Amino acid sequence: LEFRRVLFRSQADVSTRNVAVTSSFTGTEIVVFGAVENSKQPSAESGLYDIVVVIEGVPSRITLRRKSRVGGIWLNTTSATFDGVPSYYAIGSTRPLDEIASEATMIGYEIGFDHVRMNPVSGPRERLAPADQKEFREALVRLKRKEGLYVAEPYGVAFTGRTLFRATIALPANVSVGPFDTRVYLFRQEKLLSQYTIRLNLEREGLERFIHEFAIAHPFWYGIATV
C-alpha cells in the first residue's frame, strides 16, 4: 500500500499571537485551523484523516499531599512533587484517541491525560512506589479537570471541506500567563503523517502588568503598599 506524501498547514486563528491579559480578562478562545494538502478525502464526512490538536500551557512544579487519619485527626502523611507539569492541557480530536492510533503512539507523543508530562521529583525519603505515583498522577489530572484547566473534546475537531479542518478550544480565566504550545497531528489509518507546532503567548497588559512587574522588582515596597 503506497501513500503519497501528505503535507498540511495549520495556524492559530486569533487576531494576534499575543493574547492580552488584563484585570477584566474572562478567558478567550483559540481557533486552530489548517488544511491537508494533496488530500485524497472525497468529502468532509469520509473520515479518511484524523486530526489531534494539543494545547499545553506553561510548565510548573506541583506538590500534592495526601491526608490520612492519624489518632482521629486528618494529617498530611504522604506527598509527591512533579516537575514540568503543563498548567493547561487541552485535547481536541476528530474521534476518541483510542480509535485514532495505538497506545504506544500516544505515549510517544504525550497525547492524552494518561500521558501528560509529569516528572517525579523525590529524594530517598520521598521516593514513592509506582502504584502511588500513578495514584498521585490521576489525582492531579482530576483536580486540573475540576478547575477547567485540563480539557478533552473527542469530537472537537471537524473537517469543513475535503482539506480544511477547524477546532475551537476555550482558555479559562484562571489559566496561567505565559507561552502556550499548540501541536497539531495528522493521522491516517493509525499512522502519523505529519505534525506542526504553533506558539501563542498570553501576556499581562495595563495595570495587571504594572502590578506584577512592581511586585517582582520591589517586593518590600509591594508588601508595604498591599498592607
C-alpha atoms as a PDB file:
ATOM      1  CA  LEU A   1       0.000   0.000   0.000  1.00  0.00           C
ATOM      2  CA  GLU A   2       1.598   3.241  -1.118  1.00  0.00           C
ATOM      3  CA  PHE A   3       0.947   6.673   0.326  1.00  0.00           C
ATOM      4  CA  ARG A   4       1.580   9.938  -1.426  1.00  0.00           C
ATOM      5  CA  ARG A   5       3.421  12.487   0.629  1.00  0.00           C
ATOM      6  CA  VAL A   6       0.775  14.449   2.508  1.00  0.00           C
ATOM      7  CA  LEU A   7       1.508  17.959   3.749  1.00  0.00           C
ATOM      8  CA  PHE A   8      -0.681  20.191   5.854  1.00  0.00           C
ATOM      9  CA  ARG A   9      -0.525  23.668   7.234  1.00  0.00           C
ATOM     10  CA  SER A  10      -2.060  24.873  10.446  1.00  0.00           C
ATOM     11  CA  GLN A  11      -2.075  28.191  12.253  1.00  0.00           C
ATOM     12  CA  ALA A  12      -3.936  29.707  15.164  1.00  0.00           C
ATOM     13  CA  ASP A  13      -6.877  31.792  14.049  1.00  0.00           C
ATOM     14  CA  VAL A  14      -6.528  34.649  16.537  1.00  0.00           C
ATOM     15  CA  SER A  15      -6.160  38.361  15.965  1.00  0.00           C
ATOM     16  CA  THR A  16      -2.583  38.183  17.266  1.00  0.00           C
ATOM     17  CA  ARG A  17      -0.201  35.563  18.542  1.00  0.00           C
ATOM     18  CA  ASN A  18      -0.093  37.594  21.771  1.00  0.00           C
ATOM     19  CA  VAL A  19      -3.301  37.499  23.833  1.00  0.00           C
ATOM     20  CA  ALA A  20      -3.551  40.400  26.306  1.00  0.00           C
ATOM     21  CA  VAL A  21      -4.460  39.525  29.889  1.00  0.00           C
ATOM     22  CA  THR A  22      -5.856  42.453  31.860  1.00  0.00           C
ATOM     23  CA  SER A  23      -7.805  42.774  35.108  1.00  0.00           C
ATOM     24  CA  SER A  24     -11.012  42.238  33.125  1.00  0.00           C
ATOM     25  CA  PHE A  25      -9.775  39.066  31.396  1.00  0.00           C
ATOM     26  CA  THR A  26     -12.548  36.454  31.444  1.00  0.00           C
ATOM     27  CA  GLY A  27     -10.957  33.884  29.186  1.00  0.00           C
ATOM     28  CA  THR A  28     -10.711  33.535  25.447  1.00  0.00           C
ATOM     29  CA  GLU A  29     -10.975  31.012  22.639  1.00  0.00           C
ATOM     30  CA  ILE A  30      -8.199  29.613  20.489  1.00  0.00           C
ATOM     31  CA  VAL A  31      -9.259  28.709  16.967  1.00  0.00           C
ATOM     32  CA  VAL A  32      -6.904  26.320  15.206  1.00  0.00           C
ATOM     33  CA  PHE A  33      -7.430  25.632  11.537  1.00  0.00           C
ATOM     34  CA  GLY A  34      -5.454  24.034   8.758  1.00  0.00           C
ATOM     35  CA  ALA A  35      -5.550  22.104   5.528  1.00  0.00           C
ATOM     36  CA  VAL A  36      -4.420  18.723   4.254  1.00  0.00           C
ATOM     37  CA  GLU A  37      -2.570  19.234   1.004  1.00  0.00           C
ATOM     38  CA  ASN A  38      -2.890  16.596  -1.722  1.00  0.00           C
ATOM     39  CA  SER A  39      -5.887  15.244   0.157  1.00  0.00           C
ATOM     40  CA  LYS A  40      -7.451  12.021  -1.119  1.00  0.00           C
ATOM     41  CA  GLN A  41     -10.518  12.604   1.014  1.00  0.00           C
ATOM     42  CA  PRO A  42     -13.619  12.665  -1.220  1.00  0.00           C
ATOM     43  CA  SER A  43     -15.704  14.653   1.296  1.00  0.00           C
ATOM     44  CA  ALA A  44     -15.561  16.158   4.767  1.00  0.00           C
ATOM     45  CA  GLU A  45     -17.594  13.263   6.168  1.00  0.00           C
ATOM     46  CA  SER A  46     -15.474  10.448   4.745  1.00  0.00           C
ATOM     47  CA  GLY A  47     -13.140  10.338   7.753  1.00  0.00           C
ATOM     48  CA  LEU A  48     -10.044   9.410   5.769  1.00  0.00           C
ATOM     49  CA  TYR A  49      -7.844  11.563   8.014  1.00  0.00           C
ATOM     50  CA  ASP A  50      -7.787  12.210  11.749  1.00  0.00           C
ATOM     51  CA  ILE A  51      -6.592  15.420  13.386  1.00  0.00           C
ATOM     52  CA  VAL A  52      -5.470  15.759  17.003  1.00  0.00           C
ATOM     53  CA  VAL A  53      -4.858  19.213  18.497  1.00  0.00           C
ATOM     54  CA  VAL A  54      -2.978  19.514  21.806  1.00  0.00           C
ATOM     55  CA  ILE A  55      -2.532  22.841  23.608  1.00  0.00           C
ATOM     56  CA  GLU A  56      -0.101  22.964  26.537  1.00  0.00           C
ATOM     57  CA  GLY A  57       0.343  25.830  28.964  1.00  0.00           C
ATOM     58  CA  VAL A  58       3.346  26.946  30.996  1.00  0.00           C
ATOM     59  CA  PRO A  59       5.110  24.020  32.732  1.00  0.00           C
ATOM     60  CA  SER A  60       5.400  24.268  36.505  1.00  0.00           C
ATOM     61  CA  ARG A  61       6.276  22.297  39.632  1.00  0.00           C
ATOM     62  CA  ILE A  62       3.344  20.982  41.662  1.00  0.00           C
ATOM     63  CA  THR A  63       3.266  19.241  45.037  1.00  0.00           C
ATOM     64  CA  LEU A  64       0.311  17.096  46.072  1.00  0.00           C
ATOM     65  CA  ARG A  65      -0.332  15.900  49.617  1.00  0.00           C
ATOM     66  CA  ARG A  66      -2.460  13.006  50.745  1.00  0.00           C
ATOM     67  CA  LYS A  67      -4.300  13.165  54.058  1.00  0.00           C
ATOM     68  CA  SER A  68      -4.678  10.175  56.350  1.00  0.00           C
ATOM     69  CA  ARG A  69      -6.492   9.755  59.640  1.00  0.00           C
ATOM     70  CA  VAL A  70      -3.973   9.550  62.489  1.00  0.00           C
ATOM     71  CA  GLY A  71      -5.302   9.267  66.024  1.00  0.00           C
ATOM     72  CA  GLY A  72      -8.655  10.672  64.962  1.00  0.00           C
ATOM     73  CA  ILE A  73      -7.059  13.687  63.218  1.00  0.00           C
ATOM     74  CA  TRP A  74      -6.609  14.160  59.468  1.00  0.00           C
ATOM     75  CA  LEU A  75      -2.946  14.887  58.730  1.00  0.00           C
ATOM     76  CA  ASN A  76      -0.763  15.170  55.620  1.00  0.00           C
ATOM     77  CA  THR A  77       1.079  11.855  55.599  1.00  0.00           C
ATOM     78  CA  THR A  78       2.318  11.407  52.012  1.00  0.00           C
ATOM     79  CA  SER A  79       3.298  13.872  49.308  1.00  0.00           C
ATOM     80  CA  ALA A  80       4.516  13.794  45.722  1.00  0.00           C
ATOM     81  CA  THR A  81       6.154  16.543  43.661  1.00  0.00           C
ATOM     82  CA  PHE A  82       6.076  16.643  39.882  1.00  0.00           C
ATOM     83  CA  ASP A  83       8.113  18.940  37.659  1.00  0.00           C
ATOM     84  CA  GLY A  84       7.299  20.170  34.146  1.00  0.00           C
ATOM     85  CA  VAL A  85       3.550  19.758  34.597  1.00  0.00           C
ATOM     86  CA  PRO A  86       1.594  21.773  31.989  1.00  0.00           C
ATOM     87  CA  SER A  87      -0.514  24.406  33.737  1.00  0.00           C
ATOM     88  CA  TYR A  88      -3.101  23.934  30.984  1.00  0.00           C
ATOM     89  CA  TYR A  89      -3.682  20.912  28.768  1.00  0.00           C
ATOM     90  CA  ALA A  90      -6.410  20.628  26.152  1.00  0.00           C
ATOM     91  CA  ILE A  91      -7.020  17.913  23.582  1.00  0.00           C
ATOM     92  CA  GLY A  92      -9.288  18.232  20.568  1.00  0.00           C
ATOM     93  CA  SER A  93      -9.665  15.427  18.037  1.00  0.00           C
ATOM     94  CA  THR A  94     -11.864  14.203  15.223  1.00  0.00           C
ATOM     95  CA  ARG A  95     -12.574  10.978  17.141  1.00  0.00           C
ATOM     96  CA  PRO A  96     -11.739   9.433  20.533  1.00  0.00           C
ATOM     97  CA  LEU A  97      -7.986   8.937  20.840  1.00  0.00           C
ATOM     98  CA  ASP A  98      -8.160   5.146  21.188  1.00  0.00           C
ATOM     99  CA  GLU A  99      -9.775   5.000  17.748  1.00  0.00           C
ATOM    100  CA  ILE A 100      -7.097   7.149  16.096  1.00  0.00           C
ATOM    101  CA  ALA A 101      -3.782   5.481  16.985  1.00  0.00           C
ATOM    102  CA  SER A 102      -2.195   2.897  19.240  1.00  0.00           C
ATOM    103  CA  GLU A 103      -1.402   3.441  22.901  1.00  0.00           C
ATOM    104  CA  ALA A 104       2.324   3.324  22.115  1.00  0.00           C
ATOM    105  CA  THR A 105       1.949   6.203  19.654  1.00  0.00           C
ATOM    106  CA  MET A 106       0.033   8.302  22.180  1.00  0.00           C
ATOM    107  CA  ILE A 107       2.674   7.634  24.827  1.00  0.00           C
ATOM    108  CA  GLY A 108       5.482   8.607  22.456  1.00  0.00           C
ATOM    109  CA  TYR A 109       3.909  11.978  21.627  1.00  0.00           C
ATOM    110  CA  GLU A 110       2.479  12.604  25.136  1.00  0.00           C
ATOM    111  CA  ILE A 111      -1.098  12.753  23.867  1.00  0.00           C
ATOM    112  CA  GLY A 112      -3.863  12.149  26.387  1.00  0.00           C
ATOM    113  CA  PHE A 113      -4.366  12.689  30.107  1.00  0.00           C
ATOM    114  CA  ASP A 114      -2.673   9.374  30.922  1.00  0.00           C
ATOM    115  CA  HIS A 115       0.482  10.555  29.159  1.00  0.00           C
ATOM    116  CA  VAL A 116       0.742  14.190  30.253  1.00  0.00           C
ATOM    117  CA  ARG A 117       4.355  15.058  31.005  1.00  0.00           C
ATOM    118  CA  MET A 118       4.936  14.837  34.772  1.00  0.00           C
ATOM    119  CA  ASN A 119       8.482  14.282  36.010  1.00  0.00           C
ATOM    120  CA  PRO A 120       8.531  12.998  39.606  1.00  0.00           C
ATOM    121  CA  VAL A 121      10.890  14.912  41.897  1.00  0.00           C
ATOM    122  CA  SER A 122      11.816  12.980  45.023  1.00  0.00           C
ATOM    123  CA  GLY A 123      14.680  12.181  47.331  1.00  0.00           C
ATOM    124  CA  PRO A 124      15.313   8.908  49.153  1.00  0.00           C
ATOM    125  CA  ARG A 125      12.692   9.707  51.787  1.00  0.00           C
ATOM    126  CA  GLU A 126      10.011  10.831  49.369  1.00  0.00           C
ATOM    127  CA  ARG A 127      10.503   8.047  46.809  1.00  0.00           C
ATOM    128  CA  LEU A 128       7.129   6.501  46.010  1.00  0.00           C
ATOM    129  CA  ALA A 129       6.168   3.146  44.643  1.00  0.00           C
ATOM    130  CA  PRO A 130       4.921   3.087  41.019  1.00  0.00           C
ATOM    131  CA  ALA A 131       1.363   2.443  42.219  1.00  0.00           C
ATOM    132  CA  ASP A 132       1.472   5.509  44.479  1.00  0.00           C
ATOM    133  CA  GLN A 133       2.931   7.654  41.699  1.00  0.00           C
ATOM    134  CA  LYS A 134       0.106   6.591  39.403  1.00  0.00           C
ATOM    135  CA  GLU A 135      -2.445   7.461  42.096  1.00  0.00           C
ATOM    136  CA  PHE A 136      -0.952  10.939  42.542  1.00  0.00           C
ATOM    137  CA  ARG A 137      -0.849  11.478  38.760  1.00  0.00           C
ATOM    138  CA  GLU A 138      -4.518  10.569  38.456  1.00  0.00           C
ATOM    139  CA  ALA A 139      -5.373  12.854  41.385  1.00  0.00           C
ATOM    140  CA  LEU A 140      -3.502  15.755  39.756  1.00  0.00           C
ATOM    141  CA  VAL A 141      -5.327  15.305  36.458  1.00  0.00           C
ATOM    142  CA  ARG A 142      -8.632  15.028  38.304  1.00  0.00           C
ATOM    143  CA  LEU A 143      -8.020  18.301  40.166  1.00  0.00           C
ATOM    144  CA  LYS A 144      -6.939  20.081  36.979  1.00  0.00           C
ATOM    145  CA  ARG A 145     -10.055  18.888  35.157  1.00  0.00           C
ATOM    146  CA  LYS A 146     -12.222  20.092  38.039  1.00  0.00           C
ATOM    147  CA  GLU A 147     -10.633  23.555  37.697  1.00  0.00           C
ATOM    148  CA  GLY A 148     -11.302  23.538  33.956  1.00  0.00           C
ATOM    149  CA  LEU A 149      -7.582  23.575  33.142  1.00  0.00           C
ATOM    150  CA  TYR A 150      -7.446  20.092  31.603  1.00  0.00           C
ATOM    151  CA  VAL A 151      -9.997  19.697  28.824  1.00  0.00           C
ATOM    152  CA  ALA A 152     -10.786  16.915  26.352  1.00  0.00           C
ATOM    153  CA  GLU A 153     -13.031  17.270  23.293  1.00  0.00           C
ATOM    154  CA  PRO A 154     -13.130  13.881  21.479  1.00  0.00           C
ATOM    155  CA  TYR A 155     -15.087  15.419  18.593  1.00  0.00           C
ATOM    156  CA  GLY A 156     -13.726  18.954  18.924  1.00  0.00           C
ATOM    157  CA  VAL A 157     -12.030  18.959  15.508  1.00  0.00           C
ATOM    158  CA  ALA A 158     -14.105  18.847  12.336  1.00  0.00           C
ATOM    159  CA  PHE A 159     -13.383  18.950   8.643  1.00  0.00           C
ATOM    160  CA  THR A 160     -15.232  21.764   6.889  1.00  0.00           C
ATOM    161  CA  GLY A 161     -14.333  20.518   3.419  1.00  0.00           C
ATOM    162  CA  ARG A 162     -12.172  17.948   1.676  1.00  0.00           C
ATOM    163  CA  THR A 163      -8.996  19.543   3.023  1.00  0.00           C
ATOM    164  CA  LEU A 164      -9.905  22.157   5.634  1.00  0.00           C
ATOM    165  CA  PHE A 165     -10.265  21.403   9.356  1.00  0.00           C
ATOM    166  CA  ARG A 166     -11.074  23.597  12.322  1.00  0.00           C
ATOM    167  CA  ALA A 167     -11.047  23.367  16.130  1.00  0.00           C
ATOM    168  CA  THR A 168     -12.120  25.827  18.823  1.00  0.00           C
ATOM    169  CA  ILE A 169     -10.686  25.394  22.319  1.00  0.00           C
ATOM    170  CA  ALA A 170     -11.529  27.668  25.256  1.00  0.00           C
ATOM    171  CA  LEU A 171      -8.932  29.126  27.618  1.00  0.00           C
ATOM    172  CA  PRO A 172     -10.496  29.840  31.049  1.00  0.00           C
ATOM    173  CA  ALA A 173      -9.917  32.992  33.066  1.00  0.00           C
ATOM    174  CA  ASN A 174      -7.777  31.142  35.649  1.00  0.00           C
ATOM    175  CA  VAL A 175      -5.193  29.996  33.090  1.00  0.00           C
ATOM    176  CA  SER A 176      -1.528  30.783  33.815  1.00  0.00           C
ATOM    177  CA  VAL A 177       0.070  33.580  31.827  1.00  0.00           C
ATOM    178  CA  GLY A 178       2.943  32.665  29.515  1.00  0.00           C
ATOM    179  CA  PRO A 179       3.729  30.774  26.304  1.00  0.00           C
ATOM    180  CA  PHE A 180       1.335  28.120  25.009  1.00  0.00           C
ATOM    181  CA  ASP A 181       2.454  25.428  22.593  1.00  0.00           C
ATOM    182  CA  THR A 182      -0.167  24.164  20.151  1.00  0.00           C
ATOM    183  CA  ARG A 183       0.667  20.873  18.453  1.00  0.00           C
ATOM    184  CA  VAL A 184      -1.369  19.571  15.523  1.00  0.00           C
ATOM    185  CA  TYR A 185      -1.058  15.929  14.446  1.00  0.00           C
ATOM    186  CA  LEU A 186      -2.327  14.398  11.206  1.00  0.00           C
ATOM    187  CA  PHE A 187      -3.139  10.666  11.240  1.00  0.00           C
ATOM    188  CA  ARG A 188      -4.321   8.227   8.639  1.00  0.00           C
ATOM    189  CA  GLN A 189      -5.130   4.602   9.406  1.00  0.00           C
ATOM    190  CA  GLU A 190      -3.408   4.880  12.808  1.00  0.00           C
ATOM    191  CA  LYS A 191      -0.178   6.207  11.251  1.00  0.00           C
ATOM    192  CA  LEU A 192       1.209   9.670  11.979  1.00  0.00           C
ATOM    193  CA  LEU A 193       1.707  11.521   8.705  1.00  0.00           C
ATOM    194  CA  SER A 194       2.742  14.953   9.924  1.00  0.00           C
ATOM    195  CA  GLN A 195       2.832  17.327  12.885  1.00  0.00           C
ATOM    196  CA  TYR A 196       3.100  21.076  13.283  1.00  0.00           C
ATOM    197  CA  THR A 197       3.756  23.316  16.293  1.00  0.00           C
ATOM    198  CA  ILE A 198       2.484  26.842  16.898  1.00  0.00           C
ATOM    199  CA  ARG A 199       3.402  29.096  19.828  1.00  0.00           C
ATOM    200  CA  LEU A 200       0.954  31.530  21.386  1.00  0.00           C
ATOM    201  CA  ASN A 201       1.644  33.958  24.221  1.00  0.00           C
ATOM    202  CA  LEU A 202      -0.618  35.176  26.983  1.00  0.00           C
ATOM    203  CA  GLU A 203       0.856  38.414  28.315  1.00  0.00           C
ATOM    204  CA  ARG A 204      -0.208  40.740  31.086  1.00  0.00           C
ATOM    205  CA  GLU A 205      -1.135  44.225  29.928  1.00  0.00           C
ATOM    206  CA  GLY A 206      -2.102  47.509  31.549  1.00  0.00           C
ATOM    207  CA  LEU A 207      -2.476  47.725  35.339  1.00  0.00           C
ATOM    208  CA  GLU A 208      -2.160  43.955  35.684  1.00  0.00           C
ATOM    209  CA  ARG A 209       1.326  44.041  34.134  1.00  0.00           C
ATOM    210  CA  PHE A 210       2.443  47.071  36.143  1.00  0.00           C
ATOM    211  CA  ILE A 211       1.468  45.456  39.464  1.00  0.00           C
ATOM    212  CA  HIS A 212       3.122  42.168  38.511  1.00  0.00           C
ATOM    213  CA  GLU A 213       6.410  43.800  37.499  1.00  0.00           C
ATOM    214  CA  PHE A 214       6.393  46.082  40.557  1.00  0.00           C
ATOM    215  CA  ALA A 215       5.846  43.094  42.887  1.00  0.00           C
ATOM    216  CA  ILE A 216       8.820  41.252  41.377  1.00  0.00           C
ATOM    217  CA  ALA A 217      11.193  44.230  41.167  1.00  0.00           C
ATOM    218  CA  HIS A 218      10.278  45.778  44.562  1.00  0.00           C
ATOM    219  CA  PRO A 219       8.795  43.052  46.800  1.00  0.00           C
ATOM    220  CA  PHE A 220       9.338  45.036  50.021  1.00  0.00           C
ATOM    221  CA  TRP A 221       7.516  48.152  48.817  1.00  0.00           C
ATOM    222  CA  TYR A 222       4.830  45.985  47.205  1.00  0.00           C
ATOM    223  CA  GLY A 223       4.243  44.347  50.587  1.00  0.00           C
ATOM    224  CA  ILE A 224       4.040  47.727  52.303  1.00  0.00           C
ATOM    225  CA  ALA A 225       1.606  49.025  49.680  1.00  0.00           C
ATOM    226  CA  THR A 226      -0.535  45.919  49.976  1.00  0.00           C
ATOM    227  CA  VAL A 227      -0.744  46.227  53.778  1.00  0.00           C
END
